């Protein structure tokens, strides 16, 4: 489903945002999606709230192994 660099993001989405593997897989259907687009994709699909989007971006700012955060 995801490449190893996305593992930390997927783990965070499952544990801290209580998203299922299936819900996360929906967001990753677009192979061109970068990590910083995942929260918006999940929100647009109605899978997370705006508060969750903010929570995910806050978490991403603390990570060094999530690809495409700093552009």
Protein backbone atom coordinates (compact mmCIF):
# COMPACT_ATOMS: atom_id res chain seq x y z
CA UNK A 1 0.00 0.00 0.00
CA UNK A 2 2.64 2.53 1.02
CA UNK A 3 6.37 2.87 0.69
CA UNK A 4 8.58 2.58 3.79
CA UNK A 5 9.04 6.37 4.16
CA UNK A 6 5.29 6.70 4.62
CA UNK A 7 5.20 4.08 7.40
CA UNK A 8 5.51 6.66 10.19
CA UNK A 9 2.64 8.67 8.70
CA UNK A 10 0.45 5.59 8.31
CA UNK A 11 1.23 4.51 11.88
CA UNK A 12 0.29 7.98 13.15
CA UNK A 13 -2.97 7.98 11.18
CA UNK A 14 -3.90 4.58 12.60
CA UNK A 15 -2.94 5.20 16.21
CA UNK A 16 -3.59 8.90 16.79
CA UNK A 17 -6.40 9.52 14.31
CA UNK A 18 -8.02 6.08 14.65
CA UNK A 19 -8.17 5.55 10.90
CA UNK A 20 -8.49 2.05 9.50
CA UNK A 21 -6.09 0.61 6.95
CA UNK A 22 -8.92 0.76 4.43
CA UNK A 23 -9.54 4.48 5.00
CA UNK A 24 -5.84 5.23 4.65
CA UNK A 25 -5.64 3.13 1.49
CA UNK A 26 -8.33 5.31 -0.08
CA UNK A 27 -6.15 8.39 0.36
CA UNK A 28 -3.16 6.60 -1.18
CA UNK A 29 -5.02 5.54 -4.33
CA UNK A 30 -3.43 8.44 -6.18
CA UNK A 31 0.19 7.33 -6.76
CA UNK A 32 1.32 10.94 -7.24
CA UNK A 33 0.08 12.02 -3.80
CA UNK A 34 2.81 13.43 -1.58
CA UNK A 35 2.76 13.08 2.19
CA UNK A 36 1.71 16.69 2.74
CA UNK A 37 -1.36 16.12 0.56
CA UNK A 38 -2.60 13.09 2.51
CA UNK A 39 -4.38 15.06 5.29
CA UNK A 40 -6.25 17.17 2.73
CA UNK A 41 -7.22 14.08 0.72
CA UNK A 42 -8.55 12.39 3.87
CA UNK A 43 -10.50 15.53 4.79
CA UNK A 44 -11.96 15.93 1.28
CA UNK A 45 -13.14 12.32 1.47
CA UNK A 46 -14.85 13.07 4.79
CA UNK A 47 -12.63 10.65 6.70
CA UNK A 48 -11.18 13.21 9.12
CA UNK A 49 -12.16 16.60 10.55
CA UNK A 50 -10.37 19.91 10.10
CA UNK A 51 -9.07 19.50 13.64
CA UNK A 52 -7.53 16.19 12.56
CA UNK A 53 -5.94 17.89 9.54
CA UNK A 54 -4.31 20.41 11.87
CA UNK A 55 -3.21 17.64 14.23
CA UNK A 56 -1.59 15.72 11.35
CA UNK A 57 0.23 18.79 10.03
CA UNK A 58 1.47 19.59 13.54
CA UNK A 59 2.81 16.04 13.81
CA UNK A 60 4.41 16.25 10.36
CA UNK A 61 6.35 19.35 11.40
CA UNK A 62 8.11 17.27 14.06
CA UNK A 63 9.11 14.47 11.68
CA UNK A 64 12.26 14.15 9.64
CA UNK A 65 11.48 10.87 7.88
CA UNK A 66 8.19 11.81 6.19
CA UNK A 67 8.85 12.59 2.52
CA UNK A 68 7.78 15.80 0.79
CA UNK A 69 7.17 17.80 3.94
CA UNK A 70 9.80 20.43 3.27
CA UNK A 71 9.65 21.57 -0.31
